[in-house]
N, C-alpha and C. Protein backbone atom coordinates (compact mmCIF):
# COMPACT_ATOMS: atom_id res chain seq x y z
N UNK A 1 4.01 47.85 6.10
CA UNK A 1 3.58 48.97 6.94
C UNK A 1 4.66 49.33 7.94
N UNK A 2 5.28 48.32 8.56
CA UNK A 2 6.34 48.60 9.53
C UNK A 2 7.51 49.32 8.89
N UNK A 3 7.86 48.93 7.65
CA UNK A 3 8.96 49.58 6.95
C UNK A 3 8.63 51.03 6.67
N UNK A 4 7.39 51.28 6.25
CA UNK A 4 6.96 52.65 5.97
C UNK A 4 7.02 53.50 7.23
N UNK A 5 6.50 52.98 8.34
CA UNK A 5 6.52 53.72 9.59
C UNK A 5 7.95 53.99 10.02
N UNK A 6 8.83 53.01 9.85
CA UNK A 6 10.22 53.18 10.24
C UNK A 6 10.90 54.26 9.42
N UNK A 7 10.62 54.29 8.10
CA UNK A 7 11.26 55.30 7.25
C UNK A 7 10.77 56.69 7.58
N UNK A 8 9.48 56.81 7.93
CA UNK A 8 8.94 58.12 8.31
C UNK A 8 9.58 58.60 9.60
N UNK A 9 9.71 57.69 10.57
CA UNK A 9 10.29 58.07 11.86
C UNK A 9 11.75 58.46 11.73
N UNK A 10 12.45 57.91 10.74
CA UNK A 10 13.87 58.21 10.59
C UNK A 10 14.13 59.50 9.84
N UNK A 11 13.09 60.11 9.27
CA UNK A 11 13.27 61.37 8.56
C UNK A 11 13.40 62.52 9.55
N UNK A 12 14.02 63.60 9.08
CA UNK A 12 14.30 64.76 9.93
C UNK A 12 13.38 65.92 9.54
N UNK A 13 12.39 66.21 10.38
CA UNK A 13 11.42 67.25 10.01
C UNK A 13 12.03 68.65 10.05
N UNK A 14 11.60 69.48 9.11
CA UNK A 14 11.96 70.89 9.11
C UNK A 14 11.00 71.64 10.04
N UNK A 15 11.41 72.81 10.50
CA UNK A 15 10.55 73.59 11.39
C UNK A 15 9.34 74.15 10.66
N UNK A 16 9.49 74.38 9.36
CA UNK A 16 8.41 74.92 8.54
C UNK A 16 8.14 73.98 7.37
N UNK A 17 6.94 74.10 6.82
CA UNK A 17 6.60 73.40 5.58
C UNK A 17 6.85 74.37 4.42
N UNK A 18 7.52 73.89 3.36
CA UNK A 18 7.93 74.76 2.25
C UNK A 18 7.40 74.21 0.93
N UNK A 19 7.13 75.13 0.00
CA UNK A 19 6.70 74.74 -1.34
C UNK A 19 7.68 75.28 -2.38
N UNK A 20 8.06 74.41 -3.29
CA UNK A 20 8.98 74.75 -4.39
C UNK A 20 8.14 75.07 -5.62
N UNK A 21 8.36 76.25 -6.21
CA UNK A 21 7.63 76.71 -7.39
C UNK A 21 8.59 76.92 -8.55
N UNK A 22 8.05 76.80 -9.76
CA UNK A 22 8.84 77.02 -10.97
C UNK A 22 8.08 77.95 -11.90
N UNK A 23 8.75 79.00 -12.37
CA UNK A 23 8.18 79.92 -13.36
C UNK A 23 8.86 79.64 -14.70
N UNK A 24 8.08 79.18 -15.69
CA UNK A 24 8.69 78.83 -16.97
C UNK A 24 8.92 80.07 -17.85
N UNK A 25 9.51 79.85 -19.02
CA UNK A 25 9.90 80.96 -19.89
C UNK A 25 8.90 81.23 -21.01
N UNK A 26 7.67 80.77 -20.86
CA UNK A 26 6.65 80.98 -21.89
C UNK A 26 6.01 82.35 -21.71
N UNK A 27 6.71 83.38 -22.14
CA UNK A 27 6.32 84.75 -21.82
C UNK A 27 5.07 85.21 -22.55
N UNK A 28 4.63 84.45 -23.54
CA UNK A 28 3.38 84.80 -24.23
C UNK A 28 2.18 84.53 -23.33
N UNK A 29 2.38 83.75 -22.27
CA UNK A 29 1.31 83.44 -21.32
C UNK A 29 1.35 84.42 -20.15
N UNK A 30 0.25 84.48 -19.40
CA UNK A 30 0.21 85.33 -18.21
C UNK A 30 1.17 84.77 -17.16
N UNK A 31 1.58 85.64 -16.25
CA UNK A 31 2.52 85.24 -15.19
C UNK A 31 1.92 84.09 -14.37
N UNK A 32 0.63 84.19 -14.07
CA UNK A 32 -0.02 83.17 -13.25
C UNK A 32 -0.02 81.81 -13.95
N UNK A 33 -0.17 81.80 -15.27
CA UNK A 33 -0.17 80.53 -16.00
C UNK A 33 1.23 79.96 -16.18
N UNK A 34 2.24 80.82 -16.07
CA UNK A 34 3.62 80.34 -16.16
C UNK A 34 4.09 79.71 -14.85
N UNK A 35 3.46 80.07 -13.75
CA UNK A 35 3.89 79.62 -12.43
C UNK A 35 3.34 78.24 -12.11
N UNK A 36 4.22 77.30 -11.78
CA UNK A 36 3.81 75.94 -11.49
C UNK A 36 4.32 75.52 -10.10
N UNK A 37 3.44 74.89 -9.34
CA UNK A 37 3.85 74.33 -8.05
C UNK A 37 4.53 72.99 -8.30
N UNK A 38 5.78 72.86 -7.85
CA UNK A 38 6.52 71.61 -8.05
C UNK A 38 6.15 70.61 -6.97
N UNK A 39 6.37 70.97 -5.71
CA UNK A 39 5.95 70.10 -4.61
C UNK A 39 6.15 70.81 -3.29
N UNK A 40 5.52 70.27 -2.26
CA UNK A 40 5.69 70.77 -0.89
C UNK A 40 6.47 69.73 -0.11
N UNK A 41 7.43 70.19 0.69
CA UNK A 41 8.25 69.26 1.47
C UNK A 41 8.29 69.69 2.92
N UNK A 42 8.44 68.70 3.80
CA UNK A 42 8.42 68.96 5.24
C UNK A 42 9.62 68.38 5.97
N UNK A 43 10.45 67.61 5.27
CA UNK A 43 11.61 66.99 5.91
C UNK A 43 12.87 67.24 5.10
N UNK A 44 14.01 67.05 5.75
CA UNK A 44 15.30 67.19 5.07
C UNK A 44 15.39 66.21 3.91
N UNK A 45 14.95 64.99 4.15
CA UNK A 45 15.04 63.95 3.12
C UNK A 45 14.16 64.26 1.91
N UNK A 46 12.97 64.78 2.16
CA UNK A 46 12.10 65.16 1.05
C UNK A 46 12.73 66.28 0.23
N UNK A 47 13.36 67.23 0.91
CA UNK A 47 14.03 68.32 0.19
C UNK A 47 15.11 67.78 -0.74
N UNK A 48 16.01 66.95 -0.21
CA UNK A 48 17.10 66.44 -1.03
C UNK A 48 16.58 65.55 -2.16
N UNK A 49 15.51 64.81 -1.89
CA UNK A 49 14.91 64.00 -2.94
C UNK A 49 14.43 64.84 -4.11
N UNK A 50 13.93 66.04 -3.79
CA UNK A 50 13.52 66.98 -4.83
C UNK A 50 14.72 67.64 -5.48
N UNK A 51 15.58 68.22 -4.65
CA UNK A 51 16.67 69.06 -5.17
C UNK A 51 17.59 68.29 -6.12
N UNK A 52 17.87 67.05 -5.80
CA UNK A 52 18.80 66.26 -6.60
C UNK A 52 18.16 65.73 -7.89
N UNK A 53 16.88 65.97 -8.06
CA UNK A 53 16.20 65.46 -9.25
C UNK A 53 15.60 66.57 -10.11
N UNK A 54 15.98 67.81 -9.85
CA UNK A 54 15.57 68.92 -10.72
C UNK A 54 16.82 69.64 -11.20
N UNK A 55 16.65 70.43 -12.25
CA UNK A 55 17.79 71.15 -12.80
C UNK A 55 18.26 72.24 -11.84
N UNK A 56 19.56 72.45 -11.71
CA UNK A 56 20.04 73.58 -10.92
C UNK A 56 19.70 74.88 -11.63
N UNK A 57 19.71 76.01 -10.92
CA UNK A 57 19.36 77.28 -11.54
C UNK A 57 20.15 77.59 -12.81
N UNK A 58 21.43 77.23 -12.83
CA UNK A 58 22.27 77.55 -13.99
C UNK A 58 21.84 76.85 -15.26
N UNK A 59 20.99 75.83 -15.13
CA UNK A 59 20.51 75.08 -16.30
C UNK A 59 19.14 75.56 -16.77
N UNK A 60 18.57 76.54 -16.09
CA UNK A 60 17.27 77.07 -16.49
C UNK A 60 17.44 78.07 -17.63
N UNK A 61 16.37 78.27 -18.40
CA UNK A 61 16.40 79.23 -19.50
C UNK A 61 16.22 80.66 -18.97
N UNK A 62 16.61 81.62 -19.79
CA UNK A 62 16.40 83.02 -19.48
C UNK A 62 14.92 83.28 -19.19
N UNK A 63 14.65 84.10 -18.18
CA UNK A 63 13.33 84.52 -17.67
C UNK A 63 12.64 83.47 -16.81
N UNK A 64 13.30 82.33 -16.54
CA UNK A 64 12.74 81.35 -15.60
C UNK A 64 13.10 81.74 -14.17
N UNK A 65 12.27 81.30 -13.23
CA UNK A 65 12.54 81.50 -11.80
C UNK A 65 12.30 80.20 -11.05
N UNK A 66 13.00 80.05 -9.93
CA UNK A 66 12.61 79.13 -8.87
C UNK A 66 12.18 79.98 -7.68
N UNK A 67 11.13 79.56 -7.00
CA UNK A 67 10.65 80.21 -5.78
C UNK A 67 10.45 79.14 -4.72
N UNK A 68 10.97 79.34 -3.54
CA UNK A 68 10.73 78.42 -2.42
C UNK A 68 10.16 79.25 -1.28
N UNK A 69 8.87 79.03 -0.99
CA UNK A 69 8.17 79.84 0.00
C UNK A 69 7.49 78.94 1.04
N UNK A 70 7.25 79.52 2.21
CA UNK A 70 6.45 78.81 3.20
C UNK A 70 5.15 78.37 2.53
N UNK A 71 4.69 77.18 2.88
CA UNK A 71 3.65 76.49 2.12
C UNK A 71 2.37 77.31 1.94
N UNK A 72 2.09 78.21 2.90
CA UNK A 72 0.83 78.96 2.84
C UNK A 72 1.01 80.36 2.25
N UNK A 73 2.17 80.64 1.64
CA UNK A 73 2.44 81.95 1.04
C UNK A 73 2.74 81.76 -0.45
N UNK A 74 1.97 82.41 -1.29
CA UNK A 74 2.25 82.35 -2.72
C UNK A 74 3.40 83.30 -3.06
N UNK A 75 4.22 82.95 -4.06
CA UNK A 75 5.39 83.77 -4.39
C UNK A 75 5.04 84.99 -5.25
N UNK A 76 4.17 85.84 -4.71
CA UNK A 76 3.70 87.02 -5.43
C UNK A 76 3.75 88.23 -4.52
N UNK A 77 4.10 89.37 -5.07
CA UNK A 77 4.13 90.60 -4.29
C UNK A 77 2.76 90.96 -3.72
N UNK A 78 1.70 90.59 -4.45
CA UNK A 78 0.37 91.10 -4.12
C UNK A 78 -0.25 90.45 -2.88
N UNK A 79 0.18 89.26 -2.49
CA UNK A 79 -0.48 88.57 -1.38
C UNK A 79 -0.16 89.28 -0.07
N UNK A 80 -1.06 89.20 0.92
CA UNK A 80 -0.89 89.97 2.16
C UNK A 80 0.45 89.75 2.86
N UNK A 81 0.97 88.53 2.84
CA UNK A 81 2.22 88.24 3.54
C UNK A 81 3.42 88.95 2.91
N UNK A 82 3.30 89.30 1.62
CA UNK A 82 4.42 89.94 0.91
C UNK A 82 4.20 91.41 0.59
N UNK A 83 2.95 91.86 0.62
CA UNK A 83 2.61 93.18 0.08
C UNK A 83 3.38 94.32 0.74
N UNK A 84 3.64 94.22 2.03
CA UNK A 84 4.35 95.28 2.75
C UNK A 84 5.80 94.91 3.06
N UNK A 85 6.28 93.90 2.36
CA UNK A 85 7.62 93.40 2.65
C UNK A 85 8.69 93.94 1.74
N UNK A 86 9.81 93.25 1.74
CA UNK A 86 10.95 93.64 0.92
C UNK A 86 11.83 92.43 0.67
N UNK A 87 13.02 92.69 0.14
CA UNK A 87 13.91 91.57 -0.19
C UNK A 87 15.37 91.95 -0.04
N UNK A 88 16.15 91.00 0.46
CA UNK A 88 17.61 91.08 0.39
C UNK A 88 18.03 90.51 -0.95
N UNK A 89 18.76 91.30 -1.72
CA UNK A 89 19.04 90.96 -3.11
C UNK A 89 20.54 90.74 -3.34
N UNK A 90 20.85 89.62 -3.99
CA UNK A 90 22.21 89.31 -4.43
C UNK A 90 22.18 89.30 -5.95
N UNK A 91 22.96 90.17 -6.57
CA UNK A 91 23.05 90.20 -8.03
C UNK A 91 24.31 89.48 -8.48
N UNK A 92 24.16 88.59 -9.44
CA UNK A 92 25.27 87.75 -9.89
C UNK A 92 25.63 88.12 -11.32
N UNK A 93 26.81 88.67 -11.51
CA UNK A 93 27.26 89.10 -12.82
C UNK A 93 27.27 87.93 -13.80
N UNK A 94 26.83 88.18 -15.03
CA UNK A 94 26.74 87.09 -16.00
C UNK A 94 28.09 86.47 -16.32
N UNK A 95 29.18 87.22 -16.09
CA UNK A 95 30.51 86.67 -16.37
C UNK A 95 30.93 85.63 -15.33
N UNK A 96 30.21 85.59 -14.19
CA UNK A 96 30.55 84.65 -13.11
C UNK A 96 29.38 83.70 -12.85
N UNK A 97 28.63 83.40 -13.85
CA UNK A 97 27.28 82.88 -13.65
C UNK A 97 27.18 81.50 -13.05
N UNK A 98 27.66 80.46 -13.72
CA UNK A 98 27.14 79.11 -13.48
C UNK A 98 27.45 78.53 -12.10
N UNK A 99 28.70 78.25 -11.81
CA UNK A 99 29.02 77.63 -10.52
C UNK A 99 28.63 78.53 -9.36
N UNK A 100 28.86 79.82 -9.51
CA UNK A 100 28.55 80.77 -8.44
C UNK A 100 27.05 80.80 -8.17
N UNK A 101 26.26 80.87 -9.21
CA UNK A 101 24.80 80.91 -9.06
C UNK A 101 24.30 79.70 -8.29
N UNK A 102 24.72 78.52 -8.69
CA UNK A 102 24.25 77.29 -8.03
C UNK A 102 24.74 77.20 -6.59
N UNK A 103 25.98 77.62 -6.34
CA UNK A 103 26.54 77.54 -4.98
C UNK A 103 25.80 78.48 -4.03
N UNK A 104 25.56 79.72 -4.47
CA UNK A 104 24.86 80.68 -3.61
C UNK A 104 23.41 80.24 -3.39
N UNK A 105 22.74 79.79 -4.44
CA UNK A 105 21.35 79.35 -4.30
C UNK A 105 21.24 78.24 -3.26
N UNK A 106 22.10 77.24 -3.34
CA UNK A 106 22.02 76.13 -2.40
C UNK A 106 22.35 76.60 -0.99
N UNK A 107 23.36 77.44 -0.83
CA UNK A 107 23.73 77.92 0.51
C UNK A 107 22.59 78.70 1.15
N UNK A 108 21.97 79.59 0.38
CA UNK A 108 20.86 80.39 0.91
C UNK A 108 19.64 79.51 1.16
N UNK A 109 19.37 78.60 0.26
CA UNK A 109 18.24 77.69 0.41
C UNK A 109 18.36 76.86 1.68
N UNK A 110 19.52 76.27 1.92
CA UNK A 110 19.72 75.46 3.12
C UNK A 110 19.60 76.29 4.39
N UNK A 111 20.12 77.52 4.34
CA UNK A 111 20.05 78.39 5.51
C UNK A 111 18.61 78.74 5.85
N UNK A 112 17.82 79.05 4.83
CA UNK A 112 16.44 79.46 5.07
C UNK A 112 15.58 78.29 5.53
N UNK A 113 15.57 77.19 4.79
CA UNK A 113 14.69 76.08 5.19
C UNK A 113 15.20 75.39 6.44
N UNK A 114 16.50 75.54 6.73
CA UNK A 114 17.07 74.93 7.93
C UNK A 114 16.93 75.78 9.18
N UNK A 115 16.26 76.93 9.06
CA UNK A 115 16.02 77.78 10.23
C UNK A 115 17.26 78.43 10.78
N UNK A 116 18.28 78.65 9.94
CA UNK A 116 19.54 79.19 10.42
C UNK A 116 19.50 80.70 10.68
N UNK A 117 18.35 81.31 10.46
CA UNK A 117 18.18 82.72 10.79
C UNK A 117 17.53 82.89 12.17
N UNK A 118 17.44 81.79 12.91
CA UNK A 118 16.92 81.84 14.28
C UNK A 118 15.50 82.37 14.32
N UNK A 119 15.23 83.22 15.31
CA UNK A 119 13.87 83.74 15.47
C UNK A 119 13.44 84.61 14.29
N UNK A 120 14.41 85.10 13.53
CA UNK A 120 14.08 85.95 12.39
C UNK A 120 13.55 85.15 11.20
N UNK A 121 13.64 83.83 11.28
CA UNK A 121 13.04 82.98 10.24
C UNK A 121 11.54 83.23 10.14
N UNK A 122 10.92 83.61 11.27
CA UNK A 122 9.48 83.91 11.26
C UNK A 122 9.15 85.05 10.31
N UNK A 123 10.12 85.94 10.08
CA UNK A 123 9.88 87.11 9.23
C UNK A 123 10.25 86.86 7.77
N UNK A 124 10.75 85.67 7.47
CA UNK A 124 11.11 85.32 6.09
C UNK A 124 9.94 84.62 5.42
N UNK A 125 9.57 85.10 4.23
CA UNK A 125 8.48 84.48 3.47
C UNK A 125 8.98 83.40 2.54
N UNK A 126 10.14 83.65 1.91
CA UNK A 126 10.67 82.69 0.96
C UNK A 126 11.90 83.23 0.26
N UNK A 127 12.37 82.47 -0.71
CA UNK A 127 13.54 82.89 -1.49
C UNK A 127 13.27 82.66 -2.97
N UNK A 128 13.95 83.47 -3.79
CA UNK A 128 13.71 83.47 -5.23
C UNK A 128 15.04 83.51 -5.96
N UNK A 129 15.13 82.79 -7.07
CA UNK A 129 16.24 82.97 -8.01
C UNK A 129 15.63 83.33 -9.36
N UNK A 130 16.04 84.47 -9.90
CA UNK A 130 15.59 84.95 -11.21
C UNK A 130 16.71 84.75 -12.22
N UNK A 131 16.46 83.99 -13.27
CA UNK A 131 17.47 83.74 -14.29
C UNK A 131 17.31 84.77 -15.41
N UNK A 132 18.35 85.59 -15.59
CA UNK A 132 18.31 86.64 -16.60
C UNK A 132 19.65 86.70 -17.33
N UNK A 133 19.59 86.93 -18.64
CA UNK A 133 20.81 86.99 -19.44
C UNK A 133 21.74 88.10 -18.98
N UNK A 134 21.17 89.21 -18.55
CA UNK A 134 22.00 90.36 -18.16
C UNK A 134 22.60 90.21 -16.77
N UNK A 135 22.22 89.16 -16.06
CA UNK A 135 22.70 88.93 -14.70
C UNK A 135 21.58 88.39 -13.84
N UNK A 136 21.79 87.26 -13.22
CA UNK A 136 20.74 86.63 -12.42
C UNK A 136 20.71 87.19 -11.00
N UNK A 137 19.60 86.93 -10.30
CA UNK A 137 19.42 87.47 -8.95
C UNK A 137 18.90 86.38 -8.02
N UNK A 138 19.37 86.43 -6.79
CA UNK A 138 18.86 85.59 -5.72
C UNK A 138 18.40 86.51 -4.61
N UNK A 139 17.22 86.27 -4.06
CA UNK A 139 16.72 87.17 -3.02
C UNK A 139 15.99 86.40 -1.92
N UNK A 140 16.08 86.97 -0.73
CA UNK A 140 15.29 86.51 0.42
C UNK A 140 14.19 87.53 0.65
N UNK A 141 12.95 87.07 0.62
CA UNK A 141 11.81 87.97 0.83
C UNK A 141 11.41 87.97 2.30
N UNK A 142 11.22 89.17 2.84
CA UNK A 142 10.76 89.32 4.22
C UNK A 142 9.38 89.96 4.23
N UNK A 143 8.67 89.78 5.32
CA UNK A 143 7.25 90.13 5.34
C UNK A 143 6.97 91.59 5.68
N UNK A 144 7.92 92.30 6.31
CA UNK A 144 7.67 93.67 6.76
C UNK A 144 8.90 94.54 6.49
N UNK A 145 8.82 95.38 5.46
CA UNK A 145 9.95 96.22 5.08
C UNK A 145 10.26 97.28 6.14
N UNK A 146 9.32 97.54 7.05
CA UNK A 146 9.55 98.56 8.08
C UNK A 146 10.20 97.99 9.34
N UNK A 147 10.36 96.68 9.41
CA UNK A 147 10.97 96.04 10.59
C UNK A 147 12.49 96.05 10.43
N UNK A 148 13.09 97.20 10.72
CA UNK A 148 14.52 97.38 10.45
C UNK A 148 15.39 96.41 11.23
N UNK A 149 15.05 96.18 12.49
CA UNK A 149 15.87 95.29 13.32
C UNK A 149 15.95 93.89 12.71
N UNK A 150 14.80 93.34 12.37
CA UNK A 150 14.77 92.00 11.81
C UNK A 150 15.45 91.94 10.45
N UNK A 151 15.15 92.89 9.59
CA UNK A 151 15.70 92.87 8.24
C UNK A 151 17.22 93.03 8.24
N UNK A 152 17.74 93.89 9.11
CA UNK A 152 19.19 94.06 9.20
C UNK A 152 19.85 92.79 9.73
N UNK A 153 19.22 92.16 10.71
CA UNK A 153 19.79 90.93 11.26
C UNK A 153 19.80 89.82 10.21
N UNK A 154 18.73 89.73 9.44
CA UNK A 154 18.69 88.73 8.36
C UNK A 154 19.81 89.00 7.36
N UNK A 155 20.04 90.27 7.03
CA UNK A 155 21.12 90.62 6.11
C UNK A 155 22.48 90.27 6.66
N UNK A 156 22.69 90.51 7.95
CA UNK A 156 23.98 90.20 8.57
C UNK A 156 24.23 88.69 8.58
N UNK A 157 23.20 87.92 8.90
CA UNK A 157 23.34 86.46 8.90
C UNK A 157 23.59 85.96 7.48
N UNK A 158 22.88 86.54 6.52
CA UNK A 158 23.08 86.16 5.11
C UNK A 158 24.53 86.40 4.70
N UNK A 159 25.07 87.54 5.08
CA UNK A 159 26.47 87.82 4.74
C UNK A 159 27.39 86.74 5.31
N UNK A 160 27.18 86.38 6.57
CA UNK A 160 28.04 85.36 7.20
C UNK A 160 27.94 84.02 6.46
N UNK A 161 26.76 83.70 5.97
CA UNK A 161 26.60 82.46 5.21
C UNK A 161 27.40 82.52 3.91
N UNK A 162 27.45 83.69 3.29
CA UNK A 162 28.09 83.82 1.98
C UNK A 162 29.60 83.99 2.05
N UNK A 163 30.13 84.28 3.23
CA UNK A 163 31.59 84.33 3.36
C UNK A 163 32.12 83.04 4.00
N UNK A 164 31.26 82.04 4.08
CA UNK A 164 31.62 80.74 4.63
C UNK A 164 32.73 80.11 3.78
N UNK A 165 33.89 79.85 4.35
CA UNK A 165 35.00 79.29 3.56
C UNK A 165 34.74 77.88 3.05
N UNK A 166 33.71 77.20 3.58
CA UNK A 166 33.42 75.84 3.15
C UNK A 166 32.67 75.78 1.82
N UNK A 167 32.13 76.92 1.36
CA UNK A 167 31.48 76.94 0.05
C UNK A 167 32.55 76.70 -1.01
N UNK A 168 32.20 75.91 -2.02
CA UNK A 168 33.09 75.49 -3.11
C UNK A 168 34.32 76.39 -3.28
N UNK A 169 35.47 75.85 -2.93
CA UNK A 169 36.71 76.62 -2.95
C UNK A 169 37.18 76.95 -4.36
N UNK A 170 36.64 76.29 -5.36
CA UNK A 170 37.04 76.58 -6.74
C UNK A 170 36.48 77.91 -7.23
N UNK A 171 35.48 78.43 -6.54
CA UNK A 171 34.85 79.68 -6.96
C UNK A 171 35.62 80.86 -6.38
N UNK A 172 36.08 81.79 -7.22
CA UNK A 172 36.84 82.95 -6.73
C UNK A 172 36.02 83.79 -5.75
N UNK A 173 36.70 84.32 -4.74
CA UNK A 173 36.09 85.21 -3.77
C UNK A 173 36.30 86.66 -4.19
N UNK A 174 35.43 87.58 -3.70
CA UNK A 174 34.24 87.32 -2.90
C UNK A 174 33.09 86.79 -3.76
N UNK A 175 32.15 86.12 -3.09
CA UNK A 175 31.00 85.58 -3.81
C UNK A 175 30.01 86.67 -4.21
N UNK A 176 30.06 87.79 -3.50
CA UNK A 176 29.18 88.92 -3.82
C UNK A 176 29.91 90.21 -3.51
N UNK A 177 29.44 91.31 -4.08
CA UNK A 177 30.02 92.62 -3.77
C UNK A 177 29.20 93.32 -2.70
N UNK A 178 27.89 93.44 -2.94
CA UNK A 178 27.01 94.17 -2.02
C UNK A 178 25.66 93.45 -1.93
N UNK A 179 25.15 93.34 -0.72
CA UNK A 179 23.77 92.90 -0.50
C UNK A 179 22.90 94.15 -0.40
N UNK A 180 21.76 94.16 -1.08
CA UNK A 180 20.85 95.31 -1.06
C UNK A 180 19.50 94.89 -0.50
N UNK A 181 18.96 95.73 0.39
CA UNK A 181 17.59 95.49 0.85
C UNK A 181 16.68 96.50 0.17
N UNK A 182 15.66 95.98 -0.52
CA UNK A 182 14.73 96.82 -1.27
C UNK A 182 13.30 96.58 -0.79
N UNK A 183 12.52 97.66 -0.77
CA UNK A 183 11.10 97.61 -0.44
C UNK A 183 10.32 97.15 -1.68
N UNK A 184 9.48 96.13 -1.53
CA UNK A 184 8.72 95.62 -2.67
C UNK A 184 7.91 96.72 -3.37
N UNK A 185 7.28 97.59 -2.57
CA UNK A 185 6.42 98.62 -3.17
C UNK A 185 7.24 99.58 -4.02
N UNK A 186 8.45 99.88 -3.58
CA UNK A 186 9.30 100.77 -4.37
C UNK A 186 9.77 100.08 -5.65
N UNK A 187 10.05 98.78 -5.56
CA UNK A 187 10.46 98.03 -6.75
C UNK A 187 9.33 98.02 -7.78
N UNK A 188 8.10 97.87 -7.32
CA UNK A 188 6.96 97.83 -8.23
C UNK A 188 6.71 99.18 -8.89
N UNK A 189 7.02 100.26 -8.18
CA UNK A 189 6.71 101.60 -8.68
C UNK A 189 7.81 102.21 -9.54
N UNK A 190 8.99 101.59 -9.57
CA UNK A 190 10.11 102.17 -10.29
C UNK A 190 10.76 101.14 -11.20
N UNK A 191 11.55 101.64 -12.14
CA UNK A 191 12.42 100.78 -12.93
C UNK A 191 13.44 100.16 -12.00
N UNK A 192 13.73 98.86 -12.18
CA UNK A 192 14.60 98.14 -11.25
C UNK A 192 15.97 98.80 -11.09
N UNK A 193 16.45 99.45 -12.14
CA UNK A 193 17.78 100.07 -12.07
C UNK A 193 17.78 101.35 -11.25
N UNK A 194 16.58 101.90 -10.97
CA UNK A 194 16.51 103.16 -10.24
C UNK A 194 16.03 102.99 -8.80
N UNK A 195 15.82 101.76 -8.37
CA UNK A 195 15.32 101.51 -7.01
C UNK A 195 16.40 101.83 -5.99
N UNK A 196 16.03 102.60 -4.98
CA UNK A 196 16.96 102.96 -3.92
C UNK A 196 16.98 101.85 -2.87
N UNK A 197 18.17 101.41 -2.51
CA UNK A 197 18.29 100.38 -1.47
C UNK A 197 18.05 101.01 -0.10
N UNK A 198 17.26 100.35 0.72
CA UNK A 198 17.03 100.83 2.08
C UNK A 198 18.25 100.56 2.94
N UNK A 199 18.87 99.40 2.74
CA UNK A 199 20.11 99.03 3.43
C UNK A 199 21.05 98.38 2.43
N UNK A 200 22.33 98.51 2.68
CA UNK A 200 23.34 97.77 1.91
C UNK A 200 24.35 97.18 2.88
N UNK A 201 24.87 96.02 2.53
CA UNK A 201 25.93 95.37 3.30
C UNK A 201 27.01 94.93 2.32
N UNK A 202 28.22 95.43 2.52
CA UNK A 202 29.32 95.11 1.63
C UNK A 202 30.02 93.83 2.07
N UNK A 203 30.55 93.10 1.12
CA UNK A 203 31.32 91.89 1.45
C UNK A 203 32.63 92.24 2.15
N UNK A 204 33.06 93.49 2.03
CA UNK A 204 34.34 93.91 2.58
C UNK A 204 34.24 94.48 3.99
N UNK A 205 33.02 94.70 4.47
CA UNK A 205 32.85 95.33 5.80
C UNK A 205 33.19 94.35 6.90
């Protein structure tokens, strides 16, 4: 018992409780049946214990997703916390896929669960990586697409994280061309290729 108590006390709690979800590639099933809850974590140590024992995004099959959301928010557009929100989107060209995808996912994941967006972390619902043959996507979901101040600040902080020189130096720069902020409702109503970005941030600005 003393050892257990000691190990718990030595762990580093996160400010929020997060749940890791996995969407499998069994497309003959409904979306809800494809979505599986992996686990909920509350400390840095629990996160690394999970992350180091699951496949990185680059090893997932086409049409699979990882979703990491605050524990009380399901990774669906329809739930109240997401319904009026939007997302900062990073598109990763398939020609630059593997190392880049994993590096960006980990950098964004650590920034979000580590509270590195400051007070704007309250407006973040979760993050998603979509694995697609034509080009994968990583996105940060925010709860209110009309909150321009918060969403722009989240985008600016995200850019600073992605131009961090400490990210794997073997990966050619820039890590991204443009960050796009999209309204969830507009994404649902249109073909993804025709969605108008509410904001964009270039890697060169």
